[in-house]
């Protein structure tokens, strides 16, 4: 998979993707920092990125308008970079080798100290 990390998340998530055998890029490194969410979507879709963000509200809405996309990962809580890395690593380890998130969303949240993964289709089937 090819992950694009949103500017609201730490750049170190790129290394987490790479350590798990995926390509990883950060919005800031592609000259896209400060771009409006809706301006990012054409590039995300055209380049088959699986987007990683914690901006759930805006990106759920944008992804629901796309007929075909490479997936969305939402790290729900606003947490430190170290915890962002841990949560993203949990998401990546949960994916089967070679599995793609075609038209799917994975949200990871915390229930106390327990990570909770929620996976669903978007747009709804």
N, C-alpha and C. Protein backbone atom coordinates (compact mmCIF):
# COMPACT_ATOMS: atom_id res chain seq x y z
N UNK A 1 0.84 -1.18 0.00
CA UNK A 1 0.00 0.00 0.00
C UNK A 1 0.88 1.23 0.00
N UNK A 2 0.29 2.31 -0.43
CA UNK A 2 0.99 3.59 -0.49
C UNK A 2 0.21 4.58 0.38
N UNK A 3 0.81 4.96 1.51
CA UNK A 3 0.14 5.83 2.48
C UNK A 3 0.59 7.27 2.33
N UNK A 4 -0.37 8.19 2.43
CA UNK A 4 -0.10 9.62 2.51
C UNK A 4 -0.57 10.08 3.88
N UNK A 5 0.35 10.63 4.64
CA UNK A 5 0.06 11.08 6.01
C UNK A 5 -0.32 12.56 5.99
N UNK A 6 -1.41 12.91 6.62
CA UNK A 6 -1.91 14.28 6.68
C UNK A 6 -1.00 15.14 7.55
N UNK A 7 -1.03 16.44 7.32
CA UNK A 7 -0.17 17.36 8.07
C UNK A 7 -0.56 17.45 9.54
N UNK A 8 -1.75 17.01 9.91
CA UNK A 8 -2.17 17.04 11.31
C UNK A 8 -1.54 15.90 12.11
N UNK A 9 -0.84 15.00 11.43
CA UNK A 9 -0.16 13.88 12.08
C UNK A 9 1.35 14.02 11.91
N UNK A 10 2.09 13.39 12.78
CA UNK A 10 3.54 13.54 12.81
C UNK A 10 4.21 12.87 11.61
N UNK A 11 5.29 13.46 11.14
CA UNK A 11 6.02 12.92 9.99
C UNK A 11 6.61 11.54 10.27
N UNK A 12 6.79 11.18 11.52
CA UNK A 12 7.37 9.88 11.86
C UNK A 12 6.46 8.71 11.49
N UNK A 13 5.20 8.97 11.15
CA UNK A 13 4.32 7.89 10.72
C UNK A 13 4.76 7.31 9.38
N UNK A 14 5.51 8.09 8.60
CA UNK A 14 6.06 7.58 7.34
C UNK A 14 6.96 6.38 7.62
N UNK A 15 7.82 6.49 8.63
CA UNK A 15 8.72 5.38 8.97
C UNK A 15 7.94 4.16 9.44
N UNK A 16 6.82 4.36 10.13
CA UNK A 16 5.99 3.24 10.57
C UNK A 16 5.46 2.49 9.35
N UNK A 17 4.99 3.23 8.35
CA UNK A 17 4.51 2.59 7.12
C UNK A 17 5.64 1.80 6.47
N UNK A 18 6.81 2.42 6.35
CA UNK A 18 7.94 1.78 5.70
C UNK A 18 8.42 0.56 6.48
N UNK A 19 8.44 0.64 7.79
CA UNK A 19 8.85 -0.49 8.64
C UNK A 19 7.91 -1.69 8.48
N UNK A 20 6.68 -1.42 8.06
CA UNK A 20 5.69 -2.47 7.84
C UNK A 20 5.58 -2.88 6.37
N UNK A 21 6.57 -2.46 5.56
CA UNK A 21 6.63 -2.88 4.17
C UNK A 21 5.79 -2.09 3.18
N UNK A 22 5.40 -0.88 3.57
CA UNK A 22 4.57 -0.04 2.70
C UNK A 22 5.35 1.21 2.28
N UNK A 23 4.86 1.86 1.25
CA UNK A 23 5.39 3.17 0.88
C UNK A 23 4.69 4.21 1.76
N UNK A 24 5.45 5.20 2.19
CA UNK A 24 4.88 6.24 3.03
C UNK A 24 5.37 7.61 2.61
N UNK A 25 4.46 8.57 2.60
CA UNK A 25 4.77 9.95 2.23
C UNK A 25 4.02 10.86 3.19
N UNK A 26 4.55 12.05 3.40
CA UNK A 26 3.88 13.02 4.26
C UNK A 26 3.50 14.23 3.41
N UNK A 27 2.31 14.76 3.67
CA UNK A 27 1.80 15.92 2.94
C UNK A 27 2.84 17.04 2.88
N UNK A 28 3.51 17.29 4.01
CA UNK A 28 4.50 18.37 4.06
C UNK A 28 5.66 18.15 3.09
N UNK A 29 6.04 16.89 2.90
CA UNK A 29 7.19 16.58 2.04
C UNK A 29 6.84 16.65 0.56
N UNK A 30 5.56 16.68 0.24
CA UNK A 30 5.13 16.76 -1.16
C UNK A 30 4.71 18.18 -1.54
N UNK A 31 4.99 19.14 -0.65
CA UNK A 31 4.64 20.53 -0.93
C UNK A 31 3.16 20.81 -0.84
N UNK A 32 2.44 19.99 -0.08
CA UNK A 32 0.98 20.13 0.01
C UNK A 32 0.51 20.68 1.35
N UNK A 33 1.44 21.06 2.22
CA UNK A 33 1.01 21.58 3.52
C UNK A 33 0.22 22.86 3.32
N UNK A 34 -0.82 23.00 4.10
CA UNK A 34 -1.67 24.18 3.99
C UNK A 34 -2.76 24.07 2.94
N UNK A 35 -2.74 22.98 2.15
CA UNK A 35 -3.78 22.80 1.13
C UNK A 35 -5.11 22.50 1.81
N UNK A 36 -6.17 23.01 1.24
CA UNK A 36 -7.50 22.70 1.76
C UNK A 36 -7.78 21.21 1.54
N UNK A 37 -8.56 20.63 2.43
CA UNK A 37 -8.86 19.19 2.35
C UNK A 37 -9.41 18.82 0.98
N UNK A 38 -10.35 19.59 0.48
CA UNK A 38 -10.97 19.27 -0.81
C UNK A 38 -9.98 19.41 -1.96
N UNK A 39 -8.92 20.20 -1.79
CA UNK A 39 -7.89 20.31 -2.82
C UNK A 39 -6.92 19.13 -2.78
N UNK A 40 -6.82 18.45 -1.65
CA UNK A 40 -5.98 17.26 -1.54
C UNK A 40 -6.62 16.05 -2.21
N UNK A 41 -7.94 15.98 -2.19
CA UNK A 41 -8.65 14.78 -2.65
C UNK A 41 -8.30 14.36 -4.08
N UNK A 42 -8.24 15.27 -5.05
CA UNK A 42 -7.91 14.81 -6.41
C UNK A 42 -6.55 14.10 -6.48
N UNK A 43 -5.57 14.60 -5.75
CA UNK A 43 -4.25 13.96 -5.76
C UNK A 43 -4.28 12.62 -5.02
N UNK A 44 -4.98 12.59 -3.90
CA UNK A 44 -5.10 11.35 -3.13
C UNK A 44 -5.70 10.25 -4.01
N UNK A 45 -6.77 10.58 -4.70
CA UNK A 45 -7.47 9.60 -5.54
C UNK A 45 -6.65 9.26 -6.78
N UNK A 46 -6.12 10.26 -7.46
CA UNK A 46 -5.38 10.03 -8.70
C UNK A 46 -4.13 9.18 -8.49
N UNK A 47 -3.48 9.33 -7.33
CA UNK A 47 -2.24 8.60 -7.08
C UNK A 47 -2.45 7.38 -6.18
N UNK A 48 -3.70 6.99 -5.98
CA UNK A 48 -4.05 5.79 -5.21
C UNK A 48 -3.41 5.75 -3.83
N UNK A 49 -3.41 6.88 -3.14
CA UNK A 49 -2.93 6.92 -1.77
C UNK A 49 -4.01 6.40 -0.82
N UNK A 50 -3.60 5.69 0.20
CA UNK A 50 -4.45 5.44 1.35
C UNK A 50 -4.11 6.56 2.32
N UNK A 51 -5.06 7.41 2.60
CA UNK A 51 -4.82 8.63 3.37
C UNK A 51 -4.96 8.35 4.86
N UNK A 52 -4.05 8.92 5.65
CA UNK A 52 -4.05 8.75 7.10
C UNK A 52 -4.21 10.14 7.73
N UNK A 53 -5.23 10.29 8.57
CA UNK A 53 -5.53 11.60 9.15
C UNK A 53 -6.18 11.42 10.52
N UNK A 54 -6.35 12.51 11.24
CA UNK A 54 -7.23 12.48 12.41
C UNK A 54 -8.38 13.48 12.24
N UNK A 55 -8.49 13.99 11.03
CA UNK A 55 -9.57 14.91 10.68
C UNK A 55 -10.75 14.10 10.15
N UNK A 56 -11.38 13.38 11.06
CA UNK A 56 -12.43 12.43 10.69
C UNK A 56 -13.62 13.10 10.00
N UNK A 57 -14.13 14.14 10.58
CA UNK A 57 -15.36 14.75 10.07
C UNK A 57 -15.23 15.17 8.61
N UNK A 58 -14.18 15.92 8.29
CA UNK A 58 -14.03 16.43 6.92
C UNK A 58 -13.75 15.31 5.92
N UNK A 59 -12.87 14.39 6.29
CA UNK A 59 -12.50 13.36 5.30
C UNK A 59 -13.55 12.27 5.15
N UNK A 60 -14.34 12.00 6.17
CA UNK A 60 -15.47 11.08 5.97
C UNK A 60 -16.41 11.65 4.91
N UNK A 61 -16.68 12.93 5.01
CA UNK A 61 -17.57 13.59 4.05
C UNK A 61 -16.97 13.56 2.64
N UNK A 62 -15.69 13.90 2.52
CA UNK A 62 -15.04 13.92 1.20
C UNK A 62 -14.96 12.51 0.60
N UNK A 63 -14.62 11.52 1.40
CA UNK A 63 -14.52 10.15 0.89
C UNK A 63 -15.88 9.57 0.53
N UNK A 64 -16.94 10.01 1.18
CA UNK A 64 -18.27 9.49 0.86
C UNK A 64 -18.71 9.92 -0.54
N UNK A 65 -18.07 10.93 -1.11
CA UNK A 65 -18.39 11.42 -2.46
C UNK A 65 -17.59 10.71 -3.55
N UNK A 66 -16.59 9.92 -3.15
CA UNK A 66 -15.73 9.23 -4.11
C UNK A 66 -16.29 7.85 -4.42
N UNK A 67 -16.46 7.53 -5.70
CA UNK A 67 -16.97 6.21 -6.06
C UNK A 67 -15.91 5.13 -5.88
N UNK A 68 -14.62 5.50 -6.03
CA UNK A 68 -13.55 4.53 -5.90
C UNK A 68 -12.34 5.21 -5.26
N UNK A 69 -11.83 4.60 -4.19
CA UNK A 69 -10.65 5.15 -3.52
C UNK A 69 -9.85 4.03 -2.87
N UNK A 70 -8.59 4.33 -2.53
CA UNK A 70 -7.66 3.34 -1.97
C UNK A 70 -7.73 3.25 -0.46
N UNK A 71 -8.70 3.87 0.16
CA UNK A 71 -8.90 3.72 1.59
C UNK A 71 -8.51 4.93 2.42
N UNK A 72 -9.01 4.93 3.63
CA UNK A 72 -8.81 6.01 4.58
C UNK A 72 -8.54 5.40 5.95
N UNK A 73 -7.51 5.91 6.63
CA UNK A 73 -7.22 5.51 8.00
C UNK A 73 -7.38 6.75 8.87
N UNK A 74 -8.21 6.63 9.90
CA UNK A 74 -8.46 7.75 10.81
C UNK A 74 -7.95 7.37 12.19
N UNK A 75 -6.98 8.13 12.66
CA UNK A 75 -6.48 7.98 14.03
C UNK A 75 -7.29 8.98 14.85
N UNK A 76 -8.28 8.45 15.57
CA UNK A 76 -9.31 9.30 16.17
C UNK A 76 -8.77 10.26 17.24
N UNK A 77 -8.05 9.78 18.23
CA UNK A 77 -7.71 10.73 19.30
C UNK A 77 -6.56 11.67 18.89
N UNK A 78 -6.58 12.86 19.45
CA UNK A 78 -5.44 13.77 19.32
C UNK A 78 -4.44 13.37 20.38
N UNK A 79 -3.35 12.74 19.96
CA UNK A 79 -2.39 12.17 20.91
C UNK A 79 -0.96 12.55 20.50
N UNK A 80 -0.03 12.22 21.35
CA UNK A 80 1.38 12.52 21.10
C UNK A 80 1.88 11.73 19.89
N UNK A 81 2.97 12.19 19.27
CA UNK A 81 3.54 11.44 18.14
C UNK A 81 3.86 9.99 18.47
N UNK A 82 4.35 9.73 19.67
CA UNK A 82 4.67 8.34 20.05
C UNK A 82 3.42 7.47 20.03
N UNK A 83 2.32 7.97 20.55
CA UNK A 83 1.07 7.19 20.55
C UNK A 83 0.48 7.11 19.14
N UNK A 84 0.64 8.16 18.33
CA UNK A 84 0.22 8.08 16.93
C UNK A 84 0.92 6.92 16.24
N UNK A 85 2.23 6.79 16.46
CA UNK A 85 3.00 5.71 15.85
C UNK A 85 2.49 4.35 16.31
N UNK A 86 2.23 4.22 17.60
CA UNK A 86 1.73 2.95 18.14
C UNK A 86 0.38 2.58 17.51
N UNK A 87 -0.52 3.54 17.43
CA UNK A 87 -1.84 3.28 16.88
C UNK A 87 -1.78 2.94 15.40
N UNK A 88 -0.95 3.66 14.65
CA UNK A 88 -0.82 3.37 13.22
C UNK A 88 -0.20 1.99 13.02
N UNK A 89 0.75 1.64 13.85
CA UNK A 89 1.36 0.32 13.76
C UNK A 89 0.33 -0.78 14.01
N UNK A 90 -0.57 -0.57 14.95
CA UNK A 90 -1.64 -1.54 15.21
C UNK A 90 -2.51 -1.71 13.97
N UNK A 91 -2.86 -0.61 13.33
CA UNK A 91 -3.66 -0.68 12.10
C UNK A 91 -2.93 -1.51 11.05
N UNK A 92 -1.66 -1.22 10.84
CA UNK A 92 -0.91 -1.91 9.79
C UNK A 92 -0.73 -3.39 10.11
N UNK A 93 -0.52 -3.72 11.35
CA UNK A 93 -0.37 -5.13 11.73
C UNK A 93 -1.68 -5.89 11.61
N UNK A 94 -2.81 -5.17 11.69
CA UNK A 94 -4.12 -5.80 11.58
C UNK A 94 -4.46 -6.18 10.13
N UNK A 95 -3.84 -5.49 9.19
CA UNK A 95 -4.11 -5.78 7.77
C UNK A 95 -3.40 -7.06 7.36
N UNK A 96 -4.10 -7.90 6.62
CA UNK A 96 -3.47 -9.10 6.09
C UNK A 96 -2.48 -8.70 5.01
N UNK A 97 -1.43 -9.50 4.84
CA UNK A 97 -0.41 -9.20 3.83
C UNK A 97 -1.07 -9.08 2.46
N UNK A 98 -0.79 -7.98 1.78
CA UNK A 98 -1.34 -7.74 0.45
C UNK A 98 -2.76 -7.21 0.44
N UNK A 99 -3.39 -7.11 1.60
CA UNK A 99 -4.76 -6.62 1.69
C UNK A 99 -4.81 -5.13 1.36
N UNK A 100 -5.85 -4.73 0.66
CA UNK A 100 -6.05 -3.33 0.34
C UNK A 100 -7.34 -2.85 1.00
N UNK A 101 -7.45 -1.55 1.10
CA UNK A 101 -8.63 -0.95 1.74
C UNK A 101 -9.55 -0.32 0.70
N UNK A 102 -9.78 -1.00 -0.39
CA UNK A 102 -10.59 -0.46 -1.47
C UNK A 102 -11.96 -0.04 -0.95
N UNK A 103 -12.21 1.27 -1.02
CA UNK A 103 -13.47 1.87 -0.57
C UNK A 103 -13.81 1.55 0.90
N UNK A 104 -12.76 1.45 1.73
CA UNK A 104 -12.96 1.17 3.14
C UNK A 104 -12.26 2.21 4.01
N UNK A 105 -12.74 2.28 5.24
CA UNK A 105 -12.16 3.14 6.26
C UNK A 105 -11.81 2.27 7.46
N UNK A 106 -10.64 2.53 8.03
CA UNK A 106 -10.31 1.95 9.33
C UNK A 106 -10.12 3.12 10.29
N UNK A 107 -10.88 3.09 11.37
CA UNK A 107 -10.71 4.08 12.43
C UNK A 107 -10.11 3.37 13.63
N UNK A 108 -9.14 4.02 14.25
CA UNK A 108 -8.58 3.47 15.49
C UNK A 108 -8.78 4.51 16.57
N UNK A 109 -9.33 4.05 17.68
CA UNK A 109 -9.59 4.94 18.81
C UNK A 109 -9.10 4.25 20.07
N UNK A 110 -9.23 4.95 21.17
CA UNK A 110 -8.83 4.40 22.47
C UNK A 110 -10.04 4.31 23.37
N UNK A 111 -10.17 3.17 24.02
CA UNK A 111 -11.17 2.98 25.06
C UNK A 111 -10.37 2.72 26.33
N UNK A 112 -10.10 3.78 27.07
CA UNK A 112 -9.16 3.68 28.19
C UNK A 112 -7.77 3.51 27.61
N UNK A 113 -7.14 2.37 27.90
CA UNK A 113 -5.81 2.10 27.34
C UNK A 113 -5.88 1.10 26.19
N UNK A 114 -7.08 0.66 25.85
CA UNK A 114 -7.28 -0.35 24.82
C UNK A 114 -7.55 0.29 23.46
N UNK A 115 -6.82 -0.15 22.43
CA UNK A 115 -7.04 0.33 21.07
C UNK A 115 -8.25 -0.40 20.49
N UNK A 116 -9.12 0.34 19.82
CA UNK A 116 -10.32 -0.22 19.22
C UNK A 116 -10.31 0.11 17.73
N UNK A 117 -10.34 -0.94 16.90
CA UNK A 117 -10.39 -0.77 15.45
C UNK A 117 -11.83 -0.91 14.97
N UNK A 118 -12.24 0.00 14.11
CA UNK A 118 -13.54 -0.06 13.48
C UNK A 118 -13.32 0.06 11.98
N UNK A 119 -13.93 -0.86 11.22
CA UNK A 119 -13.72 -0.90 9.78
C UNK A 119 -15.08 -0.89 9.09
N UNK A 120 -15.22 -0.04 8.06
CA UNK A 120 -16.52 0.05 7.36
C UNK A 120 -16.32 0.54 5.94
N UNK A 121 -17.32 0.31 5.11
CA UNK A 121 -17.29 0.73 3.70
C UNK A 121 -17.67 2.21 3.62
N UNK A 122 -17.00 2.91 2.71
CA UNK A 122 -17.33 4.32 2.45
C UNK A 122 -16.94 4.62 1.01
N UNK A 123 -17.85 4.96 0.15
CA UNK A 123 -19.26 5.16 0.45
C UNK A 123 -19.94 3.85 0.83
N UNK A 124 -21.04 4.00 1.56
CA UNK A 124 -21.76 2.82 2.03
C UNK A 124 -22.22 1.99 0.83
N UNK A 125 -22.12 0.71 0.93
CA UNK A 125 -22.48 -0.19 -0.17
C UNK A 125 -23.96 -0.23 -0.41
